[in-house]
PDB file of all heavy atoms in Angstrom:
ATOM      1  N   HIS A   1       0.842  -1.200   0.008  1.00  0.00           N
ATOM      2  CA  HIS A   1       0.002  -0.007  -0.002  1.00  0.00           C
ATOM      3  C   HIS A   1       0.862   1.254   0.003  1.00  0.00           C
ATOM      4  O   HIS A   1       1.888   1.298   0.673  1.00  0.00           O
ATOM      5  CB  HIS A   1      -0.884   0.067   1.280  1.00  0.00           C
ATOM      6  CG  HIS A   1      -2.018  -0.858   1.293  1.00  0.00           C
ATOM      7  ND1 HIS A   1      -3.243  -0.589   0.737  1.00  0.00           N
ATOM      8  CD2 HIS A   1      -2.125  -2.110   1.805  1.00  0.00           C
ATOM      9  CE1 HIS A   1      -4.050  -1.611   0.916  1.00  0.00           C
ATOM     10  NE2 HIS A   1      -3.395  -2.539   1.545  1.00  0.00           N
ATOM     11  N   SER A   2       0.440   2.260  -0.751  1.00  0.00           N
ATOM     12  CA  SER A   2       0.902   3.640  -0.521  1.00  0.00           C
ATOM     13  C   SER A   2      -0.359   4.461  -0.413  1.00  0.00           C
ATOM     14  O   SER A   2      -1.369   4.164  -1.035  1.00  0.00           O
ATOM     15  CB  SER A   2       1.791   4.113  -1.679  1.00  0.00           C
ATOM     16  OG  SER A   2       1.058   4.221  -2.877  1.00  0.00           O
ATOM     17  N   PHE A   3      -0.331   5.502   0.421  1.00  0.00           N
ATOM     18  CA  PHE A   3      -1.576   6.170   0.801  1.00  0.00           C
ATOM     19  C   PHE A   3      -1.322   7.627   1.113  1.00  0.00           C
ATOM     20  O   PHE A   3      -0.539   7.951   2.005  1.00  0.00           O
ATOM     21  CB  PHE A   3      -2.141   5.433   2.015  1.00  0.00           C
ATOM     22  CG  PHE A   3      -3.561   5.754   2.357  1.00  0.00           C
ATOM     23  CD1 PHE A   3      -4.607   5.270   1.614  1.00  0.00           C
ATOM     24  CD2 PHE A   3      -3.832   6.541   3.472  1.00  0.00           C
ATOM     25  CE1 PHE A   3      -5.918   5.555   1.941  1.00  0.00           C
ATOM     26  CE2 PHE A   3      -5.156   6.833   3.827  1.00  0.00           C
ATOM     27  CZ  PHE A   3      -6.189   6.341   3.048  1.00  0.00           C
ATOM     28  N   ASP A   4      -1.992   8.528   0.393  1.00  0.00           N
ATOM     29  CA  ASP A   4      -1.898   9.970   0.613  1.00  0.00           C
ATOM     30  C   ASP A   4      -3.319  10.517   0.520  1.00  0.00           C
ATOM     31  O   ASP A   4      -3.782  10.932  -0.540  1.00  0.00           O
ATOM     32  CB  ASP A   4      -0.987  10.596  -0.441  1.00  0.00           C
ATOM     33  CG  ASP A   4      -0.813  12.094  -0.259  1.00  0.00           C
ATOM     34  OD1 ASP A   4      -1.183  12.639   0.816  1.00  0.00           O
ATOM     35  OD2 ASP A   4      -0.306  12.745  -1.192  1.00  0.00           O
ATOM     36  N   PHE A   5      -4.034  10.475   1.647  1.00  0.00           N
ATOM     37  CA  PHE A   5      -5.467  10.800   1.677  1.00  0.00           C
ATOM     38  C   PHE A   5      -5.650  12.300   1.834  1.00  0.00           C
ATOM     39  O   PHE A   5      -5.656  12.848   2.941  1.00  0.00           O
ATOM     40  CB  PHE A   5      -6.158  10.040   2.806  1.00  0.00           C
ATOM     41  CG  PHE A   5      -7.665  10.217   2.801  1.00  0.00           C
ATOM     42  CD1 PHE A   5      -8.434   9.507   1.889  1.00  0.00           C
ATOM     43  CD2 PHE A   5      -8.272  11.077   3.662  1.00  0.00           C
ATOM     44  CE1 PHE A   5      -9.813   9.650   1.869  1.00  0.00           C
ATOM     45  CE2 PHE A   5      -9.668  11.238   3.665  1.00  0.00           C
ATOM     46  CZ  PHE A   5     -10.414  10.522   2.762  1.00  0.00           C
ATOM     47  N   ARG A   6      -5.752  12.973   0.720  1.00  0.00           N
ATOM     48  CA  ARG A   6      -6.026  14.420   0.623  1.00  0.00           C
ATOM     49  C   ARG A   6      -6.488  14.691  -0.803  1.00  0.00           C
ATOM     50  O   ARG A   6      -6.243  13.865  -1.702  1.00  0.00           O
ATOM     51  CB  ARG A   6      -4.794  15.260   0.957  1.00  0.00           C
ATOM     52  CG  ARG A   6      -3.644  15.015  -0.017  1.00  0.00           C
ATOM     53  CD  ARG A   6      -2.425  15.834   0.307  1.00  0.00           C
ATOM     54  NE  ARG A   6      -1.324  15.436  -0.562  1.00  0.00           N
ATOM     55  CZ  ARG A   6      -1.138  15.899  -1.803  1.00  0.00           C
ATOM     56  NH1 ARG A   6      -1.957  16.796  -2.307  1.00  0.00           N
ATOM     57  NH2 ARG A   6      -0.123  15.471  -2.521  1.00  0.00           N
ATOM     58  N   VAL A   7      -7.150  15.813  -1.019  1.00  0.00           N
ATOM     59  CA  VAL A   7      -7.552  16.162  -2.387  1.00  0.00           C
ATOM     60  C   VAL A   7      -6.261  16.267  -3.221  1.00  0.00           C
ATOM     61  O   VAL A   7      -5.313  16.953  -2.826  1.00  0.00           O
ATOM     62  CB  VAL A   7      -8.352  17.472  -2.407  1.00  0.00           C
ATOM     63  CG1 VAL A   7      -8.603  17.914  -3.858  1.00  0.00           C
ATOM     64  CG2 VAL A   7      -9.700  17.275  -1.683  1.00  0.00           C
ATOM     65  N   GLY A   8      -6.212  15.549  -4.325  1.00  0.00           N
ATOM     66  CA  GLY A   8      -5.025  15.467  -5.173  1.00  0.00           C
ATOM     67  C   GLY A   8      -4.062  14.374  -4.769  1.00  0.00           C
ATOM     68  O   GLY A   8      -3.132  14.076  -5.488  1.00  0.00           O
ATOM     69  N   GLY A   9      -4.326  13.725  -3.617  1.00  0.00           N
ATOM     70  CA  GLY A   9      -3.476  12.642  -3.159  1.00  0.00           C
ATOM     71  C   GLY A   9      -3.749  11.362  -3.914  1.00  0.00           C
ATOM     72  O   GLY A   9      -4.771  11.197  -4.599  1.00  0.00           O
ATOM     73  N   ARG A  10      -2.840  10.426  -3.783  1.00  0.00           N
ATOM     74  CA  ARG A  10      -2.925   9.155  -4.504  1.00  0.00           C
ATOM     75  C   ARG A  10      -2.847   7.992  -3.534  1.00  0.00           C
ATOM     76  O   ARG A  10      -2.218   8.077  -2.475  1.00  0.00           O
ATOM     77  CB  ARG A  10      -1.791   9.052  -5.494  1.00  0.00           C
ATOM     78  CG  ARG A  10      -1.874  10.105  -6.588  1.00  0.00           C
ATOM     79  CD  ARG A  10      -0.701  10.001  -7.571  1.00  0.00           C
ATOM     80  NE  ARG A  10      -0.839  10.968  -8.610  1.00  0.00           N
ATOM     81  CZ  ARG A  10      -1.420  10.760  -9.787  1.00  0.00           C
ATOM     82  NH1 ARG A  10      -1.930   9.585 -10.071  1.00  0.00           N
ATOM     83  NH2 ARG A  10      -1.505  11.730 -10.680  1.00  0.00           N
ATOM     84  N   GLU A  11      -3.470   6.901  -3.950  1.00  0.00           N
ATOM     85  CA  GLU A  11      -3.419   5.640  -3.223  1.00  0.00           C
ATOM     86  C   GLU A  11      -3.114   4.542  -4.214  1.00  0.00           C
ATOM     87  O   GLU A  11      -3.676   4.498  -5.309  1.00  0.00           O
ATOM     88  CB  GLU A  11      -4.740   5.367  -2.527  1.00  0.00           C
ATOM     89  CG  GLU A  11      -4.768   4.038  -1.788  1.00  0.00           C
ATOM     90  CD  GLU A  11      -6.080   3.754  -1.105  1.00  0.00           C
ATOM     91  OE1 GLU A  11      -7.023   4.560  -1.218  1.00  0.00           O
ATOM     92  OE2 GLU A  11      -6.172   2.681  -0.468  1.00  0.00           O
ATOM     93  N   THR A  12      -2.262   3.612  -3.815  1.00  0.00           N
ATOM     94  CA  THR A  12      -1.985   2.425  -4.620  1.00  0.00           C
ATOM     95  C   THR A  12      -2.047   1.218  -3.716  1.00  0.00           C
ATOM     96  O   THR A  12      -1.553   1.244  -2.577  1.00  0.00           O
ATOM     97  CB  THR A  12      -0.586   2.497  -5.272  1.00  0.00           C
ATOM     98  OG1 THR A  12      -0.514   3.630  -6.113  1.00  0.00           O
ATOM     99  CG2 THR A  12      -0.283   1.252  -6.084  1.00  0.00           C
ATOM    100  N   SER A  13      -2.694   0.167  -4.214  1.00  0.00           N
ATOM    101  CA  SER A  13      -2.724  -1.112  -3.512  1.00  0.00           C
ATOM    102  C   SER A  13      -2.406  -2.177  -4.555  1.00  0.00           C
ATOM    103  O   SER A  13      -3.002  -2.212  -5.632  1.00  0.00           O
ATOM    104  CB  SER A  13      -4.098  -1.362  -2.907  1.00  0.00           C
ATOM    105  OG  SER A  13      -4.125  -2.602  -2.244  1.00  0.00           O
ATOM    106  N   ARG A  14      -1.442  -3.027  -4.213  1.00  0.00           N
ATOM    107  CA  ARG A  14      -0.977  -4.033  -5.178  1.00  0.00           C
ATOM    108  C   ARG A  14      -0.834  -5.373  -4.461  1.00  0.00           C
ATOM    109  O   ARG A  14      -0.249  -5.454  -3.390  1.00  0.00           O
ATOM    110  CB  ARG A  14       0.379  -3.582  -5.735  1.00  0.00           C
ATOM    111  CG  ARG A  14       1.007  -4.487  -6.750  1.00  0.00           C
ATOM    112  CD  ARG A  14       2.310  -3.910  -7.309  1.00  0.00           C
ATOM    113  NE  ARG A  14       2.021  -2.707  -8.089  1.00  0.00           N
ATOM    114  CZ  ARG A  14       2.424  -1.466  -7.766  1.00  0.00           C
ATOM    115  NH1 ARG A  14       3.128  -1.263  -6.698  1.00  0.00           N
ATOM    116  NH2 ARG A  14       2.134  -0.443  -8.527  1.00  0.00           N
ATOM    117  N   GLY A  15      -1.383  -6.427  -5.070  1.00  0.00           N
ATOM    118  CA  GLY A  15      -1.270  -7.752  -4.490  1.00  0.00           C
ATOM    119  C   GLY A  15      -1.843  -8.792  -5.445  1.00  0.00           C
ATOM    120  O   GLY A  15      -2.341  -8.464  -6.519  1.00  0.00           O
ATOM    121  N   GLY A  16      -1.764 -10.035  -5.045  1.00  0.00           N
ATOM    122  CA  GLY A  16      -2.285 -11.120  -5.861  1.00  0.00           C
ATOM    123  C   GLY A  16      -1.869 -12.438  -5.262  1.00  0.00           C
ATOM    124  O   GLY A  16      -1.138 -12.493  -4.285  1.00  0.00           O
ATOM    125  N   PRO A  17      -2.374 -13.499  -5.867  1.00  0.00           N
ATOM    126  CA  PRO A  17      -2.015 -14.838  -5.355  1.00  0.00           C
ATOM    127  C   PRO A  17      -0.522 -15.097  -5.545  1.00  0.00           C
ATOM    128  O   PRO A  17       0.074 -14.611  -6.516  1.00  0.00           O
ATOM    129  CB  PRO A  17      -2.856 -15.787  -6.206  1.00  0.00           C
ATOM    130  CG  PRO A  17      -3.193 -15.017  -7.434  1.00  0.00           C
ATOM    131  CD  PRO A  17      -3.215 -13.566  -7.056  1.00  0.00           C
ATOM    132  N   PRO A  18       0.108 -15.821  -4.612  1.00  0.00           N
ATOM    133  CA  PRO A  18       1.538 -16.107  -4.741  1.00  0.00           C
ATOM    134  C   PRO A  18       1.846 -16.718  -6.104  1.00  0.00           C
ATOM    135  O   PRO A  18       1.230 -17.690  -6.529  1.00  0.00           O
ATOM    136  CB  PRO A  18       1.809 -17.106  -3.603  1.00  0.00           C
ATOM    137  CG  PRO A  18       0.730 -16.844  -2.605  1.00  0.00           C
ATOM    138  CD  PRO A  18      -0.478 -16.418  -3.406  1.00  0.00           C
ATOM    139  N   GLY A  19       2.776 -16.102  -6.830  1.00  0.00           N
ATOM    140  CA  GLY A  19       3.180 -16.576  -8.151  1.00  0.00           C
ATOM    141  C   GLY A  19       2.189 -16.300  -9.260  1.00  0.00           C
ATOM    142  O   GLY A  19       2.398 -16.696 -10.387  1.00  0.00           O
ATOM    143  N   GLY A  20       1.082 -15.584  -8.955  1.00  0.00           N
ATOM    144  CA  GLY A  20       0.040 -15.329  -9.934  1.00  0.00           C
ATOM    145  C   GLY A  20       0.034 -13.883 -10.432  1.00  0.00           C
ATOM    146  O   GLY A  20       0.989 -13.133 -10.246  1.00  0.00           O
ATOM    147  N   VAL A  21      -1.059 -13.530 -11.060  1.00  0.00           N
ATOM    148  CA  VAL A  21      -1.249 -12.210 -11.636  1.00  0.00           C
ATOM    149  C   VAL A  21      -1.286 -11.171 -10.509  1.00  0.00           C
ATOM    150  O   VAL A  21      -1.952 -11.365  -9.490  1.00  0.00           O
ATOM    151  CB  VAL A  21      -2.556 -12.168 -12.460  1.00  0.00           C
ATOM    152  CG1 VAL A  21      -2.858 -10.766 -12.957  1.00  0.00           C
ATOM    153  CG2 VAL A  21      -2.469 -13.135 -13.625  1.00  0.00           C
ATOM    154  N   VAL A  22      -0.625 -10.044 -10.722  1.00  0.00           N
ATOM    155  CA  VAL A  22      -0.616  -8.941  -9.754  1.00  0.00           C
ATOM    156  C   VAL A  22      -1.796  -8.006 -10.094  1.00  0.00           C
ATOM    157  O   VAL A  22      -1.931  -7.555 -11.216  1.00  0.00           O
ATOM    158  CB  VAL A  22       0.716  -8.169  -9.790  1.00  0.00           C
ATOM    159  CG1 VAL A  22       0.660  -6.963  -8.861  1.00  0.00           C
ATOM    160  CG2 VAL A  22       1.848  -9.107  -9.416  1.00  0.00           C
ATOM    161  N   HIS A  23      -2.645  -7.735  -9.086  1.00  0.00           N
ATOM    162  CA  HIS A  23      -3.777  -6.846  -9.198  1.00  0.00           C
ATOM    163  C   HIS A  23      -3.364  -5.498  -8.601  1.00  0.00           C
ATOM    164  O   HIS A  23      -2.927  -5.454  -7.447  1.00  0.00           O
ATOM    165  CB  HIS A  23      -4.976  -7.381  -8.431  1.00  0.00           C
ATOM    166  CG  HIS A  23      -5.461  -8.719  -8.914  1.00  0.00           C
ATOM    167  ND1 HIS A  23      -6.717  -8.887  -9.448  1.00  0.00           N
ATOM    168  CD2 HIS A  23      -4.850  -9.927  -8.985  1.00  0.00           C
ATOM    169  CE1 HIS A  23      -6.860 -10.143  -9.801  1.00  0.00           C
ATOM    170  NE2 HIS A  23      -5.749 -10.804  -9.520  1.00  0.00           N
ATOM    171  N   THR A  24      -3.527  -4.402  -9.356  1.00  0.00           N
ATOM    172  CA  THR A  24      -3.104  -3.095  -8.906  1.00  0.00           C
ATOM    173  C   THR A  24      -4.261  -2.107  -9.000  1.00  0.00           C
ATOM    174  O   THR A  24      -4.921  -2.013 -10.031  1.00  0.00           O
ATOM    175  CB  THR A  24      -1.906  -2.553  -9.707  1.00  0.00           C
ATOM    176  OG1 THR A  24      -0.846  -3.496  -9.657  1.00  0.00           O
ATOM    177  CG2 THR A  24      -1.426  -1.215  -9.150  1.00  0.00           C
ATOM    178  N   PHE A  25      -4.488  -1.375  -7.896  1.00  0.00           N
ATOM    179  CA  PHE A  25      -5.496  -0.334  -7.771  1.00  0.00           C
ATOM    180  C   PHE A  25      -4.723   0.979  -7.622  1.00  0.00           C
ATOM    181  O   PHE A  25      -3.904   1.106  -6.711  1.00  0.00           O
ATOM    182  CB  PHE A  25      -6.334  -0.624  -6.515  1.00  0.00           C
ATOM    183  CG  PHE A  25      -7.180   0.499  -5.984  1.00  0.00           C
ATOM    184  CD1 PHE A  25      -8.474   0.684  -6.431  1.00  0.00           C
ATOM    185  CD2 PHE A  25      -6.676   1.352  -5.007  1.00  0.00           C
ATOM    186  CE1 PHE A  25      -9.274   1.702  -5.909  1.00  0.00           C
ATOM    187  CE2 PHE A  25      -7.464   2.369  -4.462  1.00  0.00           C
ATOM    188  CZ  PHE A  25      -8.765   2.550  -4.934  1.00  0.00           C
ATOM    189  N   ASN A  26      -4.951   1.943  -8.546  1.00  0.00           N
ATOM    190  CA  ASN A  26      -4.313   3.264  -8.496  1.00  0.00           C
ATOM    191  C   ASN A  26      -5.399   4.321  -8.439  1.00  0.00           C
ATOM    192  O   ASN A  26      -6.189   4.446  -9.380  1.00  0.00           O
ATOM    193  CB  ASN A  26      -3.473   3.525  -9.766  1.00  0.00           C
ATOM    194  CG  ASN A  26      -2.277   2.650  -9.877  1.00  0.00           C
ATOM    195  OD1 ASN A  26      -1.455   2.603  -8.977  1.00  0.00           O
ATOM    196  ND2 ASN A  26      -2.185   1.914 -10.970  1.00  0.00           N
ATOM    197  N   ALA A  27      -5.466   5.074  -7.329  1.00  0.00           N
ATOM    198  CA  ALA A  27      -6.539   6.069  -7.160  1.00  0.00           C
ATOM    199  C   ALA A  27      -5.972   7.476  -6.996  1.00  0.00           C
ATOM    200  O   ALA A  27      -4.869   7.665  -6.519  1.00  0.00           O
ATOM    201  CB  ALA A  27      -7.361   5.708  -5.926  1.00  0.00           C
ATOM    202  N   ILE A  28      -6.805   8.439  -7.387  1.00  0.00           N
ATOM    203  CA  ILE A  28      -6.540   9.872  -7.135  1.00  0.00           C
ATOM    204  C   ILE A  28      -7.818  10.412  -6.448  1.00  0.00           C
ATOM    205  O   ILE A  28      -8.919  10.228  -6.946  1.00  0.00           O
ATOM    206  CB  ILE A  28      -6.306  10.641  -8.445  1.00  0.00           C
ATOM    207  CG1 ILE A  28      -5.102  10.072  -9.172  1.00  0.00           C
ATOM    208  CG2 ILE A  28      -6.111  12.133  -8.140  1.00  0.00           C
ATOM    209  CD1 ILE A  28      -4.906  10.665 -10.575  1.00  0.00           C
ATOM    210  N   TYR A  29      -7.613  11.102  -5.317  1.00  0.00           N
ATOM    211  CA  TYR A  29      -8.732  11.705  -4.585  1.00  0.00           C
ATOM    212  C   TYR A  29      -9.053  13.090  -5.153  1.00  0.00           C
ATOM    213  O   TYR A  29      -8.183  13.941  -5.269  1.00  0.00           O
ATOM    214  CB  TYR A  29      -8.421  11.787  -3.097  1.00  0.00           C
ATOM    215  CG  TYR A  29      -8.361  10.411  -2.471  1.00  0.00           C
ATOM    216  CD1 TYR A  29      -7.164   9.768  -2.281  1.00  0.00           C
ATOM    217  CD2 TYR A  29      -9.528   9.744  -2.159  1.00  0.00           C
ATOM    218  CE1 TYR A  29      -7.103   8.492  -1.758  1.00  0.00           C
ATOM    219  CE2 TYR A  29      -9.501   8.467  -1.628  1.00  0.00           C
ATOM    220  CZ  TYR A  29      -8.285   7.845  -1.444  1.00  0.00           C
ATOM    221  OH  TYR A  29      -8.250   6.578  -0.935  1.00  0.00           O
ATOM    222  N   HIS A  30     -10.339  13.279  -5.499  1.00  0.00           N
ATOM    223  CA  HIS A  30     -10.764  14.545  -6.132  1.00  0.00           C
ATOM    224  C   HIS A  30     -11.569  15.423  -5.181  1.00  0.00           C
ATOM    225  O   HIS A  30     -11.531  16.654  -5.311  1.00  0.00           O
ATOM    226  CB  HIS A  30     -11.626  14.249  -7.355  1.00  0.00           C
ATOM    227  CG  HIS A  30     -10.869  13.513  -8.400  1.00  0.00           C
ATOM    228  ND1 HIS A  30      -9.933  14.099  -9.226  1.00  0.00           N
ATOM    229  CD2 HIS A  30     -10.867  12.192  -8.721  1.00  0.00           C
ATOM    230  CE1 HIS A  30      -9.419  13.187 -10.027  1.00  0.00           C
ATOM    231  NE2 HIS A  30      -9.956  12.019  -9.747  1.00  0.00           N
ATOM    232  N   ASP A  31     -12.305  14.839  -4.248  1.00  0.00           N
ATOM    233  CA  ASP A  31     -13.135  15.609  -3.342  1.00  0.00           C
ATOM    234  C   ASP A  31     -13.251  14.849  -2.035  1.00  0.00           C
ATOM    235  O   ASP A  31     -13.537  13.631  -2.031  1.00  0.00           O
ATOM    236  CB  ASP A  31     -14.533  15.820  -3.945  1.00  0.00           C
ATOM    237  CG  ASP A  31     -15.408  16.711  -3.085  1.00  0.00           C
ATOM    238  OD1 ASP A  31     -15.088  17.901  -2.925  1.00  0.00           O
ATOM    239  OD2 ASP A  31     -16.426  16.216  -2.576  1.00  0.00           O
ATOM    240  N   ILE A  32     -13.009  15.540  -0.905  1.00  0.00           N
ATOM    241  CA  ILE A  32     -13.137  14.942   0.407  1.00  0.00           C
ATOM    242  C   ILE A  32     -13.852  15.942   1.309  1.00  0.00           C
ATOM    243  O   ILE A  32     -13.382  17.068   1.473  1.00  0.00           O
ATOM    244  CB  ILE A  32     -11.755  14.597   1.004  1.00  0.00           C
ATOM    245  CG1 ILE A  32     -11.005  13.591   0.117  1.00  0.00           C
ATOM    246  CG2 ILE A  32     -11.897  14.075   2.431  1.00  0.00           C
ATOM    247  CD1 ILE A  32      -9.549  13.375   0.513  1.00  0.00           C
ATOM    248  N   VAL A  33     -14.983  15.525   1.837  1.00  0.00           N
ATOM    249  CA  VAL A  33     -15.697  16.299   2.857  1.00  0.00           C
ATOM    250  C   VAL A  33     -15.735  15.407   4.097  1.00  0.00           C
ATOM    251  O   VAL A  33     -16.421  14.369   4.074  1.00  0.00           O
ATOM    252  CB  VAL A  33     -17.112  16.697   2.387  1.00  0.00           C
ATOM    253  CG1 VAL A  33     -17.857  17.458   3.496  1.00  0.00           C
ATOM    254  CG2 VAL A  33     -17.062  17.502   1.094  1.00  0.00           C
ATOM    255  N   GLU A  34     -14.999  15.795   5.111  1.00  0.00           N
ATOM    256  CA  GLU A  34     -14.831  14.938   6.282  1.00  0.00           C
ATOM    257  C   GLU A  34     -16.172  14.455   6.820  1.00  0.00           C
ATOM    258  O   GLU A  34     -17.103  15.225   6.991  1.00  0.00           O
ATOM    259  CB  GLU A  34     -14.090  15.699   7.383  1.00  0.00           C
ATOM    260  CG  GLU A  34     -13.710  14.819   8.546  1.00  0.00           C
ATOM    261  CD  GLU A  34     -12.801  15.519   9.533  1.00  0.00           C
ATOM    262  OE1 GLU A  34     -12.461  16.683   9.328  1.00  0.00           O
ATOM    263  OE2 GLU A  34     -12.417  14.845  10.510  1.00  0.00           O
ATOM    264  N   ASN A  35     -16.261  13.136   7.023  1.00  0.00           N
ATOM    265  CA  ASN A  35     -17.412  12.444   7.591  1.00  0.00           C
ATOM    266  C   ASN A  35     -18.654  12.494   6.710  1.00  0.00           C
ATOM    267  O   ASN A  35     -19.716  12.061   7.126  1.00  0.00           O
ATOM    268  CB  ASN A  35     -17.762  12.983   8.977  1.00  0.00           C
ATOM    269  CG  ASN A  35     -16.614  12.844   9.949  1.00  0.00           C
ATOM    270  OD1 ASN A  35     -15.823  11.914   9.849  1.00  0.00           O
ATOM    271  ND2 ASN A  35     -16.496  13.773  10.875  1.00  0.00           N
ATOM    272  N   GLU A  36     -18.525  12.958   5.446  1.00  0.00           N
ATOM    273  CA  GLU A  36     -19.680  13.061   4.568  1.00  0.00           C
ATOM    274  C   GLU A  36     -19.474  12.483   3.164  1.00  0.00           C
ATOM    275  O   GLU A  36     -20.375  11.835   2.635  1.00  0.00           O
ATOM    276  CB  GLU A  36     -20.102  14.515   4.416  1.00  0.00           C
ATOM    277  CG  GLU A  36     -20.641  15.135   5.669  1.00  0.00           C
ATOM    278  CD  GLU A  36     -21.094  16.563   5.456  1.00  0.00           C
ATOM    279  OE1 GLU A  36     -21.545  16.918   4.347  1.00  0.00           O
ATOM    280  OE2 GLU A  36     -20.991  17.352   6.415  1.00  0.00           O
ATOM    281  N   ARG A  37     -18.307  12.731   2.548  1.00  0.00           N
ATOM    282  CA  ARG A  37     -18.189  12.370   1.130  1.00  0.00           C
ATOM    283  C   ARG A  37     -16.715  12.191   0.741  1.00  0.00           C
ATOM    284  O   ARG A  37     -15.850  12.919   1.200  1.00  0.00           O
ATOM    285  CB  ARG A  37     -18.799  13.482   0.290  1.00  0.00           C
ATOM    286  CG  ARG A  37     -18.786  13.216  -1.199  1.00  0.00           C
ATOM    287  CD  ARG A  37     -19.492  14.315  -1.983  1.00  0.00           C
ATOM    288  NE  ARG A  37     -18.796  15.590  -1.894  1.00  0.00           N
ATOM    289  CZ  ARG A  37     -19.370  16.764  -1.707  1.00  0.00           C
ATOM    290  NH1 ARG A  37     -20.677  16.840  -1.566  1.00  0.00           N
ATOM    291  NH2 ARG A  37     -18.661  17.867  -1.655  1.00  0.00           N
ATOM    292  N   ILE A  38     -16.497  11.216  -0.151  1.00  0.00           N
ATOM    293  CA  ILE A  38     -15.203  10.995  -0.763  1.00  0.00           C
ATOM    294  C   ILE A  38     -15.459  10.678  -2.236  1.00  0.00           C
ATOM    295  O   ILE A  38     -16.289   9.823  -2.554  1.00  0.00           O
ATOM    296  CB  ILE A  38     -14.447   9.794  -0.124  1.00  0.00           C
ATOM    297  CG1 ILE A  38     -14.273   9.979   1.373  1.00  0.00           C
ATOM    298  CG2 ILE A  38     -13.095   9.573  -0.828  1.00  0.00           C
ATOM    299  CD1 ILE A  38     -13.806   8.729   2.112  1.00  0.00           C
ATOM    300  N   ILE A  39     -14.762  11.399  -3.141  1.00  0.00           N
ATOM    301  CA  ILE A  39     -14.855  11.095  -4.561  1.00  0.00           C
ATOM    302  C   ILE A  39     -13.445  10.863  -5.077  1.00  0.00           C
ATOM    303  O   ILE A  39     -12.528  11.672  -4.826  1.00  0.00           O
ATOM    304  CB  ILE A  39     -15.519  12.253  -5.347  1.00  0.00           C
ATOM    305  CG1 ILE A  39     -16.927  12.507  -4.814  1.00  0.00           C
ATOM    306  CG2 ILE A  39     -15.567  11.928  -6.847  1.00  0.00           C
ATOM    307  CD1 ILE A  39     -17.627  13.727  -5.425  1.00  0.00           C
ATOM    308  N   TYR A  40     -13.283   9.757  -5.789  1.00  0.00           N
ATOM    309  CA  TYR A  40     -11.968   9.433  -6.343  1.00  0.00           C
ATOM    310  C   TYR A  40     -12.154   8.741  -7.688  1.00  0.00           C
ATOM    311  O   TYR A  40     -13.191   8.185  -7.998  1.00  0.00           O
ATOM    312  CB  TYR A  40     -11.183   8.548  -5.366  1.00  0.00           C
ATOM    313  CG  TYR A  40     -11.848   7.244  -4.999  1.00  0.00           C
ATOM    314  CD1 TYR A  40     -11.529   6.065  -5.654  1.00  0.00           C
ATOM    315  CD2 TYR A  40     -12.773   7.191  -3.958  1.00  0.00           C
ATOM    316  CE1 TYR A  40     -12.158   4.872  -5.314  1.00  0.00           C
ATOM    317  CE2 TYR A  40     -13.392   6.019  -3.613  1.00  0.00           C
ATOM    318  CZ  TYR A  40     -13.071   4.850  -4.275  1.00  0.00           C
ATOM    319  OH  TYR A  40     -13.677   3.665  -3.947  1.00  0.00           O
ATOM    320  N   SER A  41     -11.099   8.812  -8.484  1.00  0.00           N
ATOM    321  CA  SER A  41     -11.059   8.036  -9.722  1.00  0.00           C
ATOM    322  C   SER A  41      -9.943   7.007  -9.549  1.00  0.00           C
ATOM    323  O   SER A  41      -9.024   7.195  -8.751  1.00  0.00           O
ATOM    324  CB  SER A  41     -10.779   8.914 -10.938  1.00  0.00           C
ATOM    325  OG  SER A  41      -9.550   9.576 -10.817  1.00  0.00           O
ATOM    326  N   TYR A  42     -10.079   5.887 -10.233  1.00  0.00           N
ATOM    327  CA  TYR A  42      -9.054   4.878 -10.129  1.00  0.00           C
ATOM    328  C   TYR A  42      -9.033   3.995 -11.370  1.00  0.00           C
ATOM    329  O   TYR A  42      -9.999   3.900 -12.114  1.00  0.00           O
ATOM    330  CB  TYR A  42      -9.263   4.019  -8.870  1.00  0.00           C
ATOM    331  CG  TYR A  42     -10.410   3.046  -8.886  1.00  0.00           C
ATOM    332  CD1 TYR A  42     -10.190   1.711  -9.216  1.00  0.00           C
ATOM    333  CD2 TYR A  42     -11.694   3.434  -8.557  1.00  0.00           C
ATOM    334  CE1 TYR A  42     -11.254   0.781  -9.215  1.00  0.00           C
ATOM    335  CE2 TYR A  42     -12.756   2.539  -8.544  1.00  0.00           C
ATOM    336  CZ  TYR A  42     -12.508   1.209  -8.879  1.00  0.00           C
ATOM    337  OH  TYR A  42     -13.555   0.324  -8.890  1.00  0.00           O
ATOM    338  N   ASP A  43      -7.842   3.422 -11.596  1.00  0.00           N
ATOM    339  CA  ASP A  43      -7.754   2.404 -12.625  1.00  0.00           C
ATOM    340  C   ASP A  43      -7.241   1.122 -11.982  1.00  0.00           C
ATOM    341  O   ASP A  43      -6.655   1.135 -10.917  1.00  0.00           O
ATOM    342  CB  ASP A  43      -6.909   2.831 -13.823  1.00  0.00           C
ATOM    343  CG  ASP A  43      -5.465   3.159 -13.521  1.00  0.00           C
ATOM    344  OD1 ASP A  43      -5.023   3.017 -12.361  1.00  0.00           O
ATOM    345  OD2 ASP A  43      -4.754   3.558 -14.455  1.00  0.00           O
ATOM    346  N   MET A  44      -7.599   0.028 -12.627  1.00  0.00           N
ATOM    347  CA  MET A  44      -7.206  -1.305 -12.184  1.00  0.00           C
ATOM    348  C   MET A  44      -6.340  -1.935 -13.275  1.00  0.00           C
ATOM    349  O   MET A  44      -6.614  -1.772 -14.465  1.00  0.00           O
ATOM    350  CB  MET A  44      -8.406  -2.193 -11.942  1.00  0.00           C
ATOM    351  CG  MET A  44      -9.309  -1.765 -10.774  1.00  0.00           C
ATOM    352  SD  MET A  44      -8.570  -2.072  -9.166  1.00  0.00           S
ATOM    353  CE  MET A  44      -8.387  -3.850  -9.179  1.00  0.00           C
ATOM    354  N   HIS A  45      -5.304  -2.660 -12.822  1.00  0.00           N
ATOM    355  CA  HIS A  45      -4.427  -3.379 -13.727  1.00  0.00           C
ATOM    356  C   HIS A  45      -4.324  -4.840 -13.307  1.00  0.00           C
ATOM    357  O   HIS A  45      -4.378  -5.152 -12.116  1.00  0.00           O
ATOM    358  CB  HIS A  45      -3.013  -2.794 -13.689  1.00  0.00           C
ATOM    359  CG  HIS A  45      -2.874  -1.459 -14.305  1.00  0.00           C
ATOM    360  ND1 HIS A  45      -3.284  -0.298 -13.693  1.00  0.00           N
ATOM    361  CD2 HIS A  45      -2.375  -1.104 -15.526  1.00  0.00           C
ATOM    362  CE1 HIS A  45      -3.018   0.730 -14.482  1.00  0.00           C
ATOM    363  NE2 HIS A  45      -2.484   0.266 -15.607  1.00  0.00           N
TER     364      HIS A  45
END
C-alpha cells in the first residue's frame, strides 16, 4: 500500500495470489468532505 489521503493525493494497492497475476489499484482523490463524502477516480491493472 501507498496512501496519501487528501484532495489530489494518491493511493496504490498491489497484491495477488503467490506466483500469480498482480492486481493493482491506482486512485486519485478529487473531493473529500470529512465524515460526509469521498470522490476518487481509479484504474485497475
